[in-house]
Amino acid sequence: MGSWPSVARDSRPAARLSPNTSLERMFWTYGFRGRPARALVEVLATLIDTSSRRGGTFDLGSATFDMTRIATGQLDAYVRSLVRG
């Protein structure tokens, strides 16, 4: 069995955020929930295009999971777009 890190009851483990500051190398996820889809893609298009060659974009389907990957430094950013009608 694997071992679990020991954390004291009143302490919190430190976040290990990614040191990346380059949009072109950004490894990120986005929340693609809602309609109309065309409006959401229009909002995200520049970010997706900028980071698609040297970075990566994903819709992982879970904002909670996405945020834990930010805290562990496995992803650089989480973007949630809202379309107001």
N, C-alpha and C. Protein backbone atom coordinates (compact mmCIF):
# COMPACT_ATOMS: atom_id res chain seq x y z
N MET A 1 0.83 -1.19 0.00
CA MET A 1 0.00 0.00 0.00
C MET A 1 0.87 1.25 0.00
N GLY A 2 0.40 2.29 -0.65
CA GLY A 2 1.10 3.57 -0.66
C GLY A 2 0.96 4.27 0.68
N SER A 3 1.79 5.23 0.90
CA SER A 3 1.71 5.95 2.16
C SER A 3 1.06 7.32 1.94
N TRP A 4 0.36 7.80 2.94
CA TRP A 4 -0.29 9.10 2.89
C TRP A 4 0.57 10.10 3.65
N PRO A 5 0.67 11.33 3.15
CA PRO A 5 1.44 12.33 3.90
C PRO A 5 0.78 12.62 5.24
N SER A 6 1.58 12.82 6.23
CA SER A 6 1.07 13.14 7.56
C SER A 6 0.92 14.65 7.70
N VAL A 7 -0.28 15.09 8.05
CA VAL A 7 -0.55 16.51 8.22
C VAL A 7 -1.19 16.69 9.59
N ALA A 8 -0.63 17.58 10.40
CA ALA A 8 -1.19 17.85 11.72
C ALA A 8 -2.59 18.43 11.56
N ARG A 9 -3.43 18.22 12.54
CA ARG A 9 -4.84 18.63 12.46
C ARG A 9 -5.02 20.11 12.14
N ASP A 10 -4.24 20.99 12.73
CA ASP A 10 -4.43 22.42 12.54
C ASP A 10 -3.50 23.02 11.49
N SER A 11 -2.79 22.20 10.76
CA SER A 11 -1.89 22.74 9.74
C SER A 11 -2.43 22.43 8.35
N ARG A 12 -1.96 23.19 7.40
CA ARG A 12 -2.35 22.96 6.01
C ARG A 12 -1.09 22.80 5.18
N PRO A 13 -1.08 21.84 4.28
CA PRO A 13 0.10 21.71 3.42
C PRO A 13 0.21 22.93 2.50
N ALA A 14 1.42 23.34 2.23
CA ALA A 14 1.64 24.51 1.38
C ALA A 14 1.32 24.15 -0.07
N ALA A 15 0.70 25.10 -0.76
CA ALA A 15 0.44 24.90 -2.19
C ALA A 15 1.76 24.98 -2.95
N ARG A 16 1.87 24.21 -3.99
CA ARG A 16 3.04 24.22 -4.86
C ARG A 16 2.61 24.72 -6.23
N LEU A 17 2.47 26.02 -6.38
CA LEU A 17 1.99 26.58 -7.63
C LEU A 17 3.06 26.52 -8.70
N SER A 18 2.61 26.45 -9.94
CA SER A 18 3.52 26.42 -11.07
C SER A 18 4.26 27.75 -11.20
N PRO A 19 5.54 27.72 -11.52
CA PRO A 19 6.28 28.96 -11.71
C PRO A 19 6.08 29.56 -13.12
N ASN A 20 5.35 28.88 -13.98
CA ASN A 20 5.16 29.33 -15.35
C ASN A 20 4.41 30.67 -15.41
N THR A 21 4.91 31.60 -16.20
CA THR A 21 4.24 32.88 -16.41
C THR A 21 3.99 33.15 -17.89
N SER A 22 4.31 32.19 -18.74
CA SER A 22 4.18 32.36 -20.18
C SER A 22 2.84 31.80 -20.68
N LEU A 23 2.03 32.65 -21.33
CA LEU A 23 0.77 32.16 -21.90
C LEU A 23 1.02 31.12 -22.98
N GLU A 24 2.12 31.27 -23.71
CA GLU A 24 2.43 30.32 -24.78
C GLU A 24 2.76 28.92 -24.26
N ARG A 25 3.26 28.83 -23.05
CA ARG A 25 3.61 27.54 -22.46
C ARG A 25 2.62 27.10 -21.38
N MET A 26 1.51 27.82 -21.30
CA MET A 26 0.52 27.54 -20.26
C MET A 26 -0.11 26.16 -20.46
N PHE A 27 -0.15 25.38 -19.40
CA PHE A 27 -0.75 24.05 -19.35
C PHE A 27 -1.97 24.22 -18.46
N TRP A 28 -3.15 24.35 -19.06
CA TRP A 28 -4.30 24.81 -18.29
C TRP A 28 -5.58 24.09 -18.66
N THR A 29 -6.58 24.31 -17.84
CA THR A 29 -7.88 23.71 -18.05
C THR A 29 -8.94 24.79 -18.02
N TYR A 30 -10.07 24.51 -18.59
CA TYR A 30 -11.16 25.49 -18.59
C TYR A 30 -12.48 24.79 -18.29
N GLY A 31 -13.40 25.56 -17.76
CA GLY A 31 -14.74 25.06 -17.47
C GLY A 31 -15.64 25.36 -18.65
N PHE A 32 -16.00 24.36 -19.41
CA PHE A 32 -16.84 24.53 -20.59
C PHE A 32 -18.22 24.01 -20.28
N ARG A 33 -18.95 24.77 -19.49
CA ARG A 33 -20.30 24.38 -19.10
C ARG A 33 -21.25 25.48 -19.53
N GLY A 34 -22.26 25.11 -20.21
CA GLY A 34 -23.28 26.09 -20.55
C GLY A 34 -23.43 26.29 -22.05
N ARG A 35 -24.33 27.13 -22.38
CA ARG A 35 -24.66 27.45 -23.75
C ARG A 35 -24.81 28.96 -23.87
N PRO A 36 -24.65 29.54 -24.97
CA PRO A 36 -24.35 28.94 -26.27
C PRO A 36 -22.87 28.63 -26.41
N ALA A 37 -22.56 27.49 -27.01
CA ALA A 37 -21.19 27.03 -27.15
C ALA A 37 -20.34 27.99 -27.96
N ARG A 38 -20.89 28.58 -29.00
CA ARG A 38 -20.13 29.50 -29.85
C ARG A 38 -19.60 30.69 -29.05
N ALA A 39 -20.42 31.22 -28.17
CA ALA A 39 -19.99 32.36 -27.34
C ALA A 39 -18.87 31.95 -26.38
N LEU A 40 -18.95 30.75 -25.80
CA LEU A 40 -17.89 30.28 -24.90
C LEU A 40 -16.57 30.11 -25.64
N VAL A 41 -16.63 29.51 -26.83
CA VAL A 41 -15.41 29.31 -27.61
C VAL A 41 -14.82 30.67 -28.01
N GLU A 42 -15.65 31.62 -28.35
CA GLU A 42 -15.17 32.95 -28.72
C GLU A 42 -14.39 33.59 -27.57
N VAL A 43 -14.87 33.41 -26.36
CA VAL A 43 -14.18 33.96 -25.17
C VAL A 43 -12.84 33.26 -24.96
N LEU A 44 -12.79 31.95 -25.14
CA LEU A 44 -11.59 31.17 -24.87
C LEU A 44 -10.62 31.06 -26.04
N ALA A 45 -11.05 31.42 -27.25
CA ALA A 45 -10.29 31.17 -28.47
C ALA A 45 -8.86 31.69 -28.44
N THR A 46 -8.65 32.92 -28.02
CA THR A 46 -7.30 33.48 -28.02
C THR A 46 -6.38 32.73 -27.07
N LEU A 47 -6.88 32.39 -25.89
CA LEU A 47 -6.06 31.63 -24.94
C LEU A 47 -5.75 30.23 -25.46
N ILE A 48 -6.75 29.56 -26.04
CA ILE A 48 -6.54 28.22 -26.58
C ILE A 48 -5.51 28.27 -27.71
N ASP A 49 -5.67 29.20 -28.63
CA ASP A 49 -4.75 29.31 -29.77
C ASP A 49 -3.33 29.66 -29.31
N THR A 50 -3.21 30.55 -28.33
CA THR A 50 -1.89 30.97 -27.85
C THR A 50 -1.12 29.83 -27.21
N SER A 51 -1.80 28.99 -26.46
CA SER A 51 -1.10 27.94 -25.71
C SER A 51 -1.15 26.57 -26.37
N SER A 52 -1.72 26.46 -27.55
CA SER A 52 -1.93 25.13 -28.13
C SER A 52 -0.67 24.49 -28.71
N ARG A 53 0.34 25.25 -29.06
CA ARG A 53 1.53 24.66 -29.68
C ARG A 53 2.60 24.27 -28.66
N ARG A 54 2.81 25.10 -27.64
CA ARG A 54 3.88 24.84 -26.68
C ARG A 54 3.37 24.51 -25.29
N GLY A 55 2.08 24.56 -25.13
CA GLY A 55 1.45 24.26 -23.84
C GLY A 55 0.38 23.20 -24.04
N GLY A 56 -0.75 23.38 -23.38
CA GLY A 56 -1.85 22.44 -23.56
C GLY A 56 -3.10 22.93 -22.89
N THR A 57 -4.25 22.59 -23.45
CA THR A 57 -5.54 22.97 -22.87
C THR A 57 -6.41 21.73 -22.74
N PHE A 58 -7.22 21.72 -21.69
CA PHE A 58 -8.06 20.57 -21.41
C PHE A 58 -9.37 21.01 -20.79
N ASP A 59 -10.43 20.28 -21.05
CA ASP A 59 -11.66 20.39 -20.28
C ASP A 59 -11.78 19.08 -19.53
N LEU A 60 -11.42 19.09 -18.27
CA LEU A 60 -11.37 17.85 -17.50
C LEU A 60 -12.71 17.48 -16.87
N GLY A 61 -13.69 18.37 -16.94
CA GLY A 61 -15.03 18.03 -16.49
C GLY A 61 -15.30 18.20 -15.00
N SER A 62 -14.33 18.64 -14.23
CA SER A 62 -14.54 18.79 -12.79
C SER A 62 -13.74 19.98 -12.28
N ALA A 63 -14.44 21.04 -11.89
CA ALA A 63 -13.77 22.22 -11.37
C ALA A 63 -12.99 21.90 -10.10
N THR A 64 -13.53 21.03 -9.26
CA THR A 64 -12.83 20.66 -8.03
C THR A 64 -11.50 19.97 -8.34
N PHE A 65 -11.53 19.02 -9.25
CA PHE A 65 -10.30 18.34 -9.64
C PHE A 65 -9.32 19.33 -10.25
N ASP A 66 -9.82 20.21 -11.13
CA ASP A 66 -8.97 21.22 -11.77
C ASP A 66 -8.24 22.06 -10.72
N MET A 67 -8.96 22.51 -9.72
CA MET A 67 -8.37 23.37 -8.69
C MET A 67 -7.32 22.63 -7.86
N THR A 68 -7.52 21.34 -7.62
CA THR A 68 -6.49 20.59 -6.88
C THR A 68 -5.22 20.47 -7.71
N ARG A 69 -5.34 20.38 -9.03
CA ARG A 69 -4.16 20.31 -9.89
C ARG A 69 -3.41 21.65 -9.90
N ILE A 70 -4.12 22.76 -9.71
CA ILE A 70 -3.47 24.07 -9.58
C ILE A 70 -2.65 24.09 -8.29
N ALA A 71 -3.26 23.64 -7.20
CA ALA A 71 -2.59 23.67 -5.89
C ALA A 71 -1.35 22.79 -5.84
N THR A 72 -1.32 21.74 -6.64
CA THR A 72 -0.16 20.85 -6.64
C THR A 72 0.86 21.21 -7.71
N GLY A 73 0.57 22.25 -8.50
CA GLY A 73 1.51 22.69 -9.53
C GLY A 73 1.46 21.87 -10.81
N GLN A 74 0.47 20.99 -10.94
CA GLN A 74 0.36 20.17 -12.14
C GLN A 74 -0.29 20.90 -13.31
N LEU A 75 -1.06 21.93 -13.02
CA LEU A 75 -1.64 22.80 -14.04
C LEU A 75 -1.30 24.24 -13.69
N ASP A 76 -1.23 25.10 -14.71
CA ASP A 76 -0.90 26.51 -14.50
C ASP A 76 -2.12 27.36 -14.19
N ALA A 77 -3.27 27.02 -14.74
CA ALA A 77 -4.44 27.89 -14.56
C ALA A 77 -5.73 27.13 -14.81
N TYR A 78 -6.80 27.65 -14.25
CA TYR A 78 -8.16 27.19 -14.51
C TYR A 78 -8.98 28.41 -14.89
N VAL A 79 -9.61 28.38 -16.05
CA VAL A 79 -10.41 29.51 -16.53
C VAL A 79 -11.86 29.06 -16.62
N ARG A 80 -12.73 29.82 -16.00
CA ARG A 80 -14.16 29.52 -16.07
C ARG A 80 -14.83 30.71 -16.74
N SER A 81 -15.45 30.48 -17.86
CA SER A 81 -16.14 31.57 -18.55
C SER A 81 -17.64 31.44 -18.33
N LEU A 82 -18.27 32.56 -18.18
CA LEU A 82 -19.72 32.61 -18.00
C LEU A 82 -20.31 33.42 -19.12
N VAL A 83 -21.38 32.93 -19.67
CA VAL A 83 -22.11 33.68 -20.68
C VAL A 83 -23.37 34.20 -20.01
N ARG A 84 -23.50 35.50 -20.01
CA ARG A 84 -24.70 36.11 -19.42
C ARG A 84 -25.66 36.47 -20.52
N GLY A 85 -26.89 36.04 -20.33
CA GLY A 85 -27.87 36.25 -21.39
C GLY A 85 -28.85 37.34 -21.09
